């Protein structure tokens, strides 16, 4: 097995390990970031109509940079108009979204990307609905698109694994939410349904009364559930 094939196999394994909670999505993003010089990876969303976007899960990006992107620079990201139209599941280099000679003239590049992040990127759109896209990207200090293209191709091969994992996770979440609502509606007990992150997602009538009265819901000596979605 070549080194490239070994890297791809390891990253695919981390996707399914994260889905099964054997490891975290952070482990996958960390491994992905290592495929490019000074790589920083992010799983993020963008709304092409409003310009809103956020780097939701990241590797190698400081918290202040992530915050600045969400609060201001997402709307200035010159790659996003093309990214909102590109084919889903196909990895691309940044220069396919915007020629570099145009990119380096933008405020996004000069005020934010170059001083805080890097020189270029590769990315893939994983899903799109009503103008909102979920994307995966790796930024890099290497500006040469031809040298970055192998990693864009890697994203193409990883995209089916990611989309399959997200579809499965969404189905599980929908089923759990429906079961929670059913239990809450039928039970006369003080029922509170929590998810795997210890967040309260559904309340029965008595459970809701407990929360509104200011009572803390403790699951274990180390975890506390907090109010979330109501029935």
Protein backbone atom coordinates (compact mmCIF):
# COMPACT_ATOMS: atom_id res chain seq x y z
CA UNK A 1 0.00 0.00 0.00
CA UNK A 2 1.40 3.36 -1.02
CA UNK A 3 1.70 6.23 1.44
CA UNK A 4 -1.12 8.11 -0.32
CA UNK A 5 -3.40 5.07 -0.16
CA UNK A 6 -2.52 4.56 3.50
CA UNK A 7 -3.40 8.17 4.31
CA UNK A 8 -6.71 7.89 2.49
CA UNK A 9 -7.54 4.63 4.27
CA UNK A 10 -6.70 6.12 7.66
CA UNK A 11 -8.85 9.19 7.05
CA UNK A 12 -11.81 7.09 5.88
CA UNK A 13 -11.45 4.96 9.00
CA UNK A 14 -11.53 8.10 11.17
CA UNK A 15 -14.81 9.17 9.57
CA UNK A 16 -16.55 5.96 10.60
CA UNK A 17 -14.81 5.88 13.97
CA UNK A 18 -16.14 9.38 14.67
CA UNK A 19 -19.62 8.31 13.58
CA UNK A 20 -19.49 5.40 16.03
CA UNK A 21 -18.05 7.65 18.78
CA UNK A 22 -14.86 5.59 18.93
CA UNK A 23 -12.99 8.83 18.29
CA UNK A 24 -13.94 12.44 17.51
CA UNK A 25 -14.39 14.49 14.35
CA UNK A 26 -11.43 16.49 15.60
CA UNK A 27 -9.22 13.46 14.94
CA UNK A 28 -10.42 13.35 11.34
CA UNK A 29 -9.87 17.08 10.81
CA UNK A 30 -6.41 16.91 12.38
CA UNK A 31 -5.43 14.11 10.00
CA UNK A 32 -6.86 15.98 7.05
CA UNK A 33 -4.97 19.16 7.91
CA UNK A 34 -1.68 17.24 7.83
CA UNK A 35 -2.09 16.49 4.11
CA UNK A 36 -1.02 20.02 3.11
CA UNK A 37 1.87 22.29 4.22
CA UNK A 38 0.73 24.34 7.23
CA UNK A 39 -2.68 22.80 6.66
CA UNK A 40 -5.74 23.93 8.60
CA UNK A 41 -8.98 22.10 8.01
CA UNK A 42 -12.55 23.16 8.62
CA UNK A 43 -16.03 21.76 8.24
CA UNK A 44 -18.27 24.75 7.66
CA UNK A 45 -21.48 26.12 6.21
CA UNK A 46 -22.33 29.07 4.00
CA UNK A 47 -25.60 30.70 3.00
CA UNK A 48 -25.14 32.23 -0.42
CA UNK A 49 -28.22 34.47 -0.13
CA UNK A 50 -27.35 36.15 3.17
CA UNK A 51 -23.58 35.71 3.01
CA UNK A 52 -23.63 34.22 6.51
CA UNK A 53 -21.16 31.45 7.24
CA UNK A 54 -19.12 29.89 10.00
CA UNK A 55 -16.19 27.54 10.39
CA UNK A 56 -18.03 25.13 12.71
CA UNK A 57 -15.37 22.46 13.34
CA UNK A 58 -11.72 23.26 12.75
CA UNK A 59 -8.16 22.05 13.11
CA UNK A 60 -5.32 24.52 13.51
CA UNK A 61 -7.42 27.69 13.40
CA UNK A 62 -7.28 29.95 16.48
CA UNK A 63 -10.58 30.85 18.14
CA UNK A 64 -10.25 34.55 17.31
CA UNK A 65 -9.75 33.79 13.61
CA UNK A 66 -12.82 31.53 13.60
CA UNK A 67 -14.81 34.27 15.33
CA UNK A 68 -13.63 36.98 12.90
CA UNK A 69 -14.63 34.82 9.95
CA UNK A 70 -18.17 34.29 11.24
CA UNK A 71 -18.71 37.90 12.30
CA UNK A 72 -17.29 39.66 9.24
CA UNK A 73 -15.19 37.83 6.66
CA UNK A 74 -17.67 35.12 5.64
CA UNK A 75 -19.58 37.76 3.73
CA UNK A 76 -16.35 38.79 1.94
CA UNK A 77 -15.20 35.29 1.00
CA UNK A 78 -14.74 35.56 -2.79
CA UNK A 79 -14.71 31.77 -3.27
CA UNK A 80 -18.25 31.23 -2.04
CA UNK A 81 -20.28 32.38 -5.08
CA UNK A 82 -18.64 29.68 -7.22
CA UNK A 83 -18.64 27.18 -4.36
CA UNK A 84 -22.41 27.58 -4.10
CA UNK A 85 -22.78 26.40 -7.69
CA UNK A 86 -20.09 23.75 -8.06
CA UNK A 87 -20.91 20.08 -8.31
CA UNK A 88 -21.45 18.35 -4.99
CA UNK A 89 -18.81 15.83 -3.97
CA UNK A 90 -16.03 17.00 -6.31
CA UNK A 91 -12.89 18.35 -4.67
CA UNK A 92 -11.37 21.47 -6.23
CA UNK A 93 -8.42 23.77 -5.76
CA UNK A 94 -9.15 27.39 -4.89
CA UNK A 95 -8.08 28.63 -8.30
CA UNK A 96 -11.05 26.79 -9.82
CA UNK A 97 -13.29 29.07 -7.76
CA UNK A 98 -11.44 32.30 -8.55
CA UNK A 99 -8.18 32.97 -10.45
CA UNK A 100 -5.35 33.73 -8.04
CA UNK A 101 -4.55 37.07 -9.70
CA UNK A 102 -8.04 38.21 -8.75
CA UNK A 103 -8.04 36.57 -5.32
CA UNK A 104 -4.89 38.37 -4.14
CA UNK A 105 -6.52 41.75 -4.86
CA UNK A 106 -9.46 41.16 -2.53
CA UNK A 107 -9.83 42.54 1.02
CA UNK A 108 -10.56 38.99 2.16
CA UNK A 109 -7.06 37.90 1.10
CA UNK A 110 -5.11 40.98 2.14
CA UNK A 111 -6.85 41.81 5.42
CA UNK A 112 -7.66 38.33 6.68
CA UNK A 113 -6.62 35.25 4.76
CA UNK A 114 -2.95 35.92 4.08
CA UNK A 115 -2.02 37.33 7.52
CA UNK A 116 -4.14 34.88 9.53
CA UNK A 117 -4.63 31.70 7.53
CA UNK A 118 -2.52 30.99 4.45
CA UNK A 119 -2.19 31.39 0.71
CA UNK A 120 -4.65 28.99 -0.87
CA UNK A 121 -7.02 26.11 -0.20
CA UNK A 122 -8.73 23.01 -1.50
CA UNK A 123 -12.34 22.20 -0.79
CA UNK A 124 -15.41 20.11 -1.50
CA UNK A 125 -19.14 20.79 -1.16
CA UNK A 126 -20.79 17.95 0.74
CA UNK A 127 -24.43 19.06 0.67
CA UNK A 128 -26.58 21.95 -0.53
CA UNK A 129 -30.19 22.89 0.15
CA UNK A 130 -32.02 26.16 -0.50
CA UNK A 131 -28.79 28.09 -0.99
CA UNK A 132 -27.14 26.72 2.16
CA UNK A 133 -24.04 24.59 1.64
CA UNK A 134 -22.04 22.32 3.91
CA UNK A 135 -18.39 22.35 2.88
CA UNK A 136 -15.05 20.87 3.86
CA UNK A 137 -11.86 22.81 3.23
CA UNK A 138 -8.13 22.67 3.90
CA UNK A 139 -6.13 25.88 3.76
CA UNK A 140 -2.41 25.88 3.08
CA UNK A 141 0.63 28.11 2.82
CA UNK A 142 1.39 26.51 -0.56
CA UNK A 143 0.03 28.65 -3.39
CA UNK A 144 0.79 26.29 -6.30
CA UNK A 145 -2.55 24.77 -7.42
CA UNK A 146 -0.89 21.91 -9.30
CA UNK A 147 0.86 20.74 -6.15
CA UNK A 148 -2.38 21.04 -4.18
CA UNK A 149 -4.49 19.16 -6.71
CA UNK A 150 -3.72 15.70 -5.29
CA UNK A 151 -5.37 16.70 -2.01
CA UNK A 152 -8.40 18.07 -3.86
CA UNK A 153 -8.69 14.66 -5.52
CA UNK A 154 -8.42 13.06 -2.08
CA UNK A 155 -11.43 15.10 -0.95
CA UNK A 156 -13.38 13.76 -3.93
CA UNK A 157 -12.67 10.21 -2.78
CA UNK A 158 -13.51 10.97 0.85
CA UNK A 159 -16.74 12.84 0.06
CA UNK A 160 -18.93 9.70 -0.36
CA UNK A 161 -17.80 8.45 3.07
CA UNK A 162 -18.63 11.80 4.66
CA UNK A 163 -22.01 12.11 3.00
CA UNK A 164 -22.90 8.57 4.03
CA UNK A 165 -21.86 9.28 7.62
CA UNK A 166 -23.88 12.51 7.78
CA UNK A 167 -26.99 10.88 6.31
CA UNK A 168 -26.78 8.13 8.91
CA UNK A 169 -26.28 10.61 11.75
CA UNK A 170 -29.23 12.71 10.57
CA UNK A 171 -31.51 9.66 10.44
CA UNK A 172 -30.52 8.65 13.97
CA UNK A 173 -31.13 12.17 15.23
CA UNK A 174 -34.57 12.33 13.61
CA UNK A 175 -35.62 8.96 15.05
CA UNK A 176 -34.37 9.86 18.53
CA UNK A 177 -36.22 13.18 18.44
CA UNK A 178 -39.48 11.51 17.37
CA UNK A 179 -39.18 8.87 20.11
CA UNK A 180 -38.50 11.61 22.64
CA UNK A 181 -41.59 13.56 21.63
CA UNK A 182 -43.75 10.43 21.80
CA UNK A 183 -42.53 9.53 25.28
CA UNK A 184 -43.07 13.08 26.53
CA UNK A 185 -46.58 13.33 25.16
CA UNK A 186 -47.75 10.01 26.59
CA UNK A 187 -46.08 10.02 29.98
CA UNK A 188 -47.51 11.63 33.11
CA UNK A 189 -44.13 11.34 34.85
CA UNK A 190 -41.46 14.01 35.04
CA UNK A 191 -39.79 12.87 31.82
CA UNK A 192 -36.79 14.67 30.34
CA UNK A 193 -35.11 13.15 27.27
CA UNK A 194 -31.41 13.94 26.78
CA UNK A 195 -29.09 13.39 23.84
CA UNK A 196 -25.58 11.93 23.84
CA UNK A 197 -24.12 15.33 24.63
CA UNK A 198 -26.13 15.52 27.88
CA UNK A 199 -28.44 18.19 26.47
CA UNK A 200 -32.14 18.02 27.31
CA UNK A 201 -33.98 17.77 23.99
CA UNK A 202 -37.57 16.95 25.00
CA UNK A 203 -39.72 17.57 28.09
CA UNK A 204 -42.91 16.02 29.40
CA UNK A 205 -45.36 18.27 31.21
CA UNK A 206 -43.96 17.41 34.66
CA UNK A 207 -40.38 17.60 33.40
CA UNK A 208 -41.04 21.06 31.97
CA UNK A 209 -42.50 22.18 35.31
CA UNK A 210 -39.34 21.00 37.07
CA UNK A 211 -37.14 23.04 34.73
CA UNK A 212 -39.31 26.16 34.95
CA UNK A 213 -39.13 25.93 38.72
CA UNK A 214 -35.36 26.27 38.43
CA UNK A 215 -34.39 22.72 39.35
CA UNK A 216 -31.08 21.47 37.90
CA UNK A 217 -31.23 18.09 36.18
CA UNK A 218 -28.18 16.04 37.10
CA UNK A 219 -27.41 12.88 35.15
CA UNK A 220 -24.25 11.71 36.88
CA UNK A 221 -21.78 13.29 39.31
CA UNK A 222 -20.01 14.70 36.24
CA UNK A 223 -22.81 15.68 33.85
CA UNK A 224 -25.75 18.05 34.00
CA UNK A 225 -28.56 18.32 31.46
CA UNK A 226 -29.71 21.76 30.37
CA UNK A 227 -32.96 22.74 28.67
CA UNK A 228 -33.09 22.45 24.88
CA UNK A 229 -36.00 21.64 22.60
CA UNK A 230 -39.48 21.48 24.12
CA UNK A 231 -42.22 18.99 23.29
